[in-house]
Amino acid sequence: MGHEHSPDLRHSHLTSFSLLTSKRDLSIHLETALRGVVIADRWPKSGVDIIISVIEGDQDRGLSRGDYDEAWDTMNVLSGCVSVASAALADAGIDCVDTVAGGVAALVADGEESTPRIVVDPVPSQHSKVLAACCVAYLPTRDEVTNLWFKGDVPASDASTYTKMIENSILASRKANRVLVDSLNETVVQAR
């Protein structure tokens, strides 16, 4: 039986393509987020390779409603990747302008008749519909965003929703950054 006649192979091919696309998206956004952090001028002929393996996540795959939930989960994965990569850079002693942390906010609806609301660190399987999501990489000391990624549908005329989603993503990032800095400080104290 040829490839085009096998639904299982077609689904497998589409899933593989989707995974490759999301990995590529993650890689590009992670590089953009970190490029604004590392002080590259100090070591112009050097490079940094960051390899992140996601071994386990918060999301229960059994609860996922399919590929659509996974598209939203990618935002949470990016947020975590930004934070752990920042911790790795700091731990390695690589010169950075600040610690960067990721944060996510989503516009969700909990039913057909419900009013959409913004939640921080969303779990897509807990909401009947995710309308849009925003992931930021944020430098708290400098008050700068090094990466901003929006997905979904928000009316273009509703600029206040965009602003609120960014503000809530930054809030989530600030909270993640506090944990990151506390952990790095604890590592320094233990090393003494």
Protein backbone atom coordinates (compact mmCIF):
# COMPACT_ATOMS: atom_id res chain seq x y z
CA MET A 1 0.00 0.00 0.00
CA GLY A 2 1.40 3.39 -0.99
CA HIS A 3 1.91 6.32 1.32
CA GLU A 4 -1.05 8.27 -0.08
CA HIS A 5 -3.48 5.42 0.69
CA SER A 6 -2.54 4.93 4.32
CA PRO A 7 -4.33 7.28 6.72
CA ASP A 8 -1.97 6.30 9.53
CA LEU A 9 1.09 7.28 7.51
CA ARG A 10 -0.52 10.52 6.40
CA HIS A 11 -1.38 11.41 9.99
CA SER A 12 2.13 10.45 11.09
CA HIS A 13 3.61 12.64 8.35
CA LEU A 14 1.41 15.60 9.32
CA THR A 15 2.23 15.17 13.00
CA SER A 16 5.95 15.04 12.19
CA PHE A 17 5.65 18.17 10.05
CA SER A 18 3.75 19.91 12.84
CA LEU A 19 6.41 18.94 15.38
CA LEU A 20 9.21 20.14 13.11
CA THR A 21 7.42 23.42 12.51
CA SER A 22 6.82 24.00 16.21
CA LYS A 23 10.45 23.10 17.04
CA ARG A 24 11.61 25.56 14.39
CA ASP A 25 9.28 28.23 15.81
CA LEU A 26 10.56 27.56 19.32
CA SER A 27 14.17 27.73 18.16
CA ILE A 28 13.72 31.01 16.32
CA HIS A 29 11.83 32.68 19.17
CA LEU A 30 14.30 31.39 21.76
CA GLU A 31 17.26 32.70 19.75
CA THR A 32 15.56 36.09 19.38
CA ALA A 33 14.81 36.25 23.11
CA LEU A 34 18.39 35.44 24.08
CA ARG A 35 20.08 37.55 21.41
CA GLY A 36 18.89 40.65 23.27
CA VAL A 37 20.44 39.41 26.52
CA VAL A 38 23.93 38.10 25.78
CA ILE A 39 26.71 40.70 25.60
CA ALA A 40 28.31 39.31 22.46
CA ASP A 41 30.82 42.17 22.01
CA ARG A 42 33.00 40.85 24.82
CA TRP A 43 33.74 37.62 22.94
CA PRO A 44 33.20 38.44 19.23
CA LYS A 45 34.66 35.17 17.93
CA SER A 46 32.77 32.93 20.34
CA GLY A 47 29.39 31.30 20.11
CA VAL A 48 26.95 29.70 22.48
CA ASP A 49 24.96 26.58 21.69
CA ILE A 50 21.92 25.99 23.83
CA ILE A 51 20.29 22.60 23.63
CA ILE A 52 17.08 22.11 25.58
CA SER A 53 15.43 18.74 26.00
CA VAL A 54 11.91 18.85 27.36
CA ILE A 55 11.64 15.64 29.33
CA GLU A 56 8.36 16.27 31.08
CA GLY A 57 5.74 18.97 31.08
CA ASP A 58 2.83 20.12 33.18
CA GLN A 59 0.31 19.28 30.49
CA ASP A 60 -1.29 15.84 30.70
CA ARG A 61 -1.29 14.56 27.12
CA GLY A 62 -4.37 12.49 27.95
CA LEU A 63 -6.31 15.70 28.57
CA SER A 64 -5.17 17.39 25.38
CA ARG A 65 -7.94 17.82 22.84
CA GLY A 66 -5.62 17.31 19.91
CA ASP A 67 -3.10 19.21 17.84
CA TYR A 68 -4.87 22.51 18.51
CA ASP A 69 -4.10 22.33 22.26
CA GLU A 70 -0.51 21.47 21.41
CA ALA A 71 -0.24 24.66 19.37
CA TRP A 72 -1.18 26.66 22.48
CA ASP A 73 1.07 24.52 24.69
CA THR A 74 3.99 25.63 22.52
CA MET A 75 3.68 29.10 24.02
CA ASN A 76 4.12 27.67 27.53
CA VAL A 77 7.05 25.56 26.37
CA LEU A 78 8.76 28.63 24.90
CA SER A 79 8.22 30.53 28.14
CA GLY A 80 9.91 27.75 30.11
CA CYS A 81 12.73 27.41 27.58
CA VAL A 82 13.52 31.13 27.80
CA SER A 83 13.72 30.96 31.59
CA VAL A 84 15.88 27.82 31.79
CA ALA A 85 18.19 29.06 29.02
CA SER A 86 18.67 32.30 30.95
CA ALA A 87 19.52 30.31 34.07
CA ALA A 88 22.02 28.23 32.09
CA LEU A 89 23.70 31.33 30.65
CA ALA A 90 24.01 32.90 34.11
CA ASP A 91 25.25 29.65 35.64
CA ALA A 92 27.88 29.34 32.90
CA GLY A 93 29.13 32.85 33.66
CA ILE A 94 28.26 34.20 30.22
CA ASP A 95 28.00 38.00 30.27
CA CYS A 96 24.39 39.14 30.01
CA VAL A 97 22.69 42.50 30.44
CA ASP A 98 20.01 40.95 32.69
CA THR A 99 18.25 37.69 33.39
CA VAL A 100 15.43 37.07 30.95
CA ALA A 101 12.31 35.10 31.80
CA GLY A 102 9.34 33.99 29.76
CA GLY A 103 5.71 34.66 30.53
CA VAL A 104 2.43 33.70 28.86
CA ALA A 105 -1.09 35.11 28.93
CA ALA A 106 -4.06 33.85 26.96
CA LEU A 107 -7.49 35.09 26.02
CA VAL A 108 -9.84 32.21 26.87
CA ALA A 109 -13.55 31.43 26.84
CA ASP A 110 -15.01 28.83 29.18
CA GLY A 111 -18.20 28.30 27.19
CA GLU A 112 -20.09 29.45 24.12
CA GLU A 113 -21.87 32.22 26.02
CA SER A 114 -19.01 33.22 28.32
CA THR A 115 -17.18 36.51 28.07
CA PRO A 116 -13.55 36.02 27.05
CA ARG A 117 -11.05 36.70 29.83
CA ILE A 118 -7.28 36.86 30.12
CA VAL A 119 -5.47 34.21 32.17
CA VAL A 120 -1.78 33.96 33.07
CA ASP A 121 0.15 30.71 32.49
CA PRO A 122 -2.81 29.06 30.73
CA VAL A 123 -3.46 25.33 30.61
CA PRO A 124 -5.40 24.93 27.33
CA SER A 125 -7.19 21.75 28.41
CA GLN A 126 -8.82 23.67 31.29
CA HIS A 127 -10.67 26.03 28.96
CA SER A 128 -13.24 25.25 26.31
CA LYS A 129 -11.55 27.63 23.88
CA VAL A 130 -8.29 29.54 23.67
CA LEU A 131 -8.85 32.54 21.42
CA ALA A 132 -5.34 34.00 21.50
CA ALA A 133 -2.09 33.73 23.42
CA CYS A 134 0.90 35.98 23.98
CA CYS A 135 4.37 34.91 25.07
CA VAL A 136 7.03 37.43 26.05
CA ALA A 137 10.68 37.24 26.97
CA TYR A 138 11.24 40.08 29.40
CA LEU A 139 14.24 41.77 31.03
CA PRO A 140 12.92 43.13 34.35
CA THR A 141 15.87 45.33 35.32
CA ARG A 142 15.90 47.06 31.95
CA ASP A 143 12.10 46.89 31.51
CA GLU A 144 12.55 45.53 27.97
CA VAL A 145 10.84 42.84 25.94
CA THR A 146 13.31 40.84 23.83
CA ASN A 147 10.70 38.65 22.16
CA LEU A 148 6.96 38.91 21.66
CA TRP A 149 4.90 36.13 20.06
CA PHE A 150 1.15 36.39 19.48
CA LYS A 151 -1.04 33.57 18.20
CA GLY A 152 -4.76 33.54 17.65
CA ASP A 153 -7.61 35.88 16.87
CA VAL A 154 -8.13 39.21 18.58
CA PRO A 155 -10.05 41.89 16.70
CA ALA A 156 -7.60 44.44 15.27
CA SER A 157 -9.85 47.22 16.52
CA ASP A 158 -9.45 45.98 20.12
CA ALA A 159 -5.99 47.33 20.92
CA SER A 160 -6.69 47.29 24.65
CA THR A 161 -6.91 43.47 24.64
CA TYR A 162 -3.49 43.27 22.99
CA THR A 163 -2.08 45.64 25.59
CA LYS A 164 -3.67 43.73 28.48
CA MET A 165 -2.32 40.42 27.15
CA ILE A 166 1.19 41.87 26.93
CA GLU A 167 0.92 43.36 30.43
CA ASN A 168 -0.25 40.02 31.85
CA SER A 169 2.52 38.15 30.03
CA ILE A 170 5.05 40.55 31.54
CA LEU A 171 3.49 39.99 34.97
CA ALA A 172 3.94 36.22 34.53
CA SER A 173 7.51 36.83 33.38
CA ARG A 174 8.30 38.94 36.46
CA LYS A 175 7.08 36.13 38.71
CA ALA A 176 9.18 33.57 36.84
CA ASN A 177 12.18 35.91 37.03
CA ARG A 178 11.89 36.17 40.82
CA VAL A 179 12.12 32.38 41.08
CA LEU A 180 15.03 32.37 38.62
CA VAL A 181 17.01 35.03 40.51
CA ASP A 182 16.33 33.37 43.89
CA SER A 183 17.61 30.07 42.50
CA LEU A 184 20.75 31.69 41.06
CA ASN A 185 21.42 33.48 44.37
CA GLU A 186 21.01 30.19 46.21
CA THR A 187 23.54 28.58 43.86
CA VAL A 188 26.05 31.38 44.53
CA VAL A 189 25.62 31.01 48.30
CA GLN A 190 26.11 27.23 48.09
CA ALA A 191 29.26 27.66 45.99
CA ARG A 192 30.95 29.76 48.70
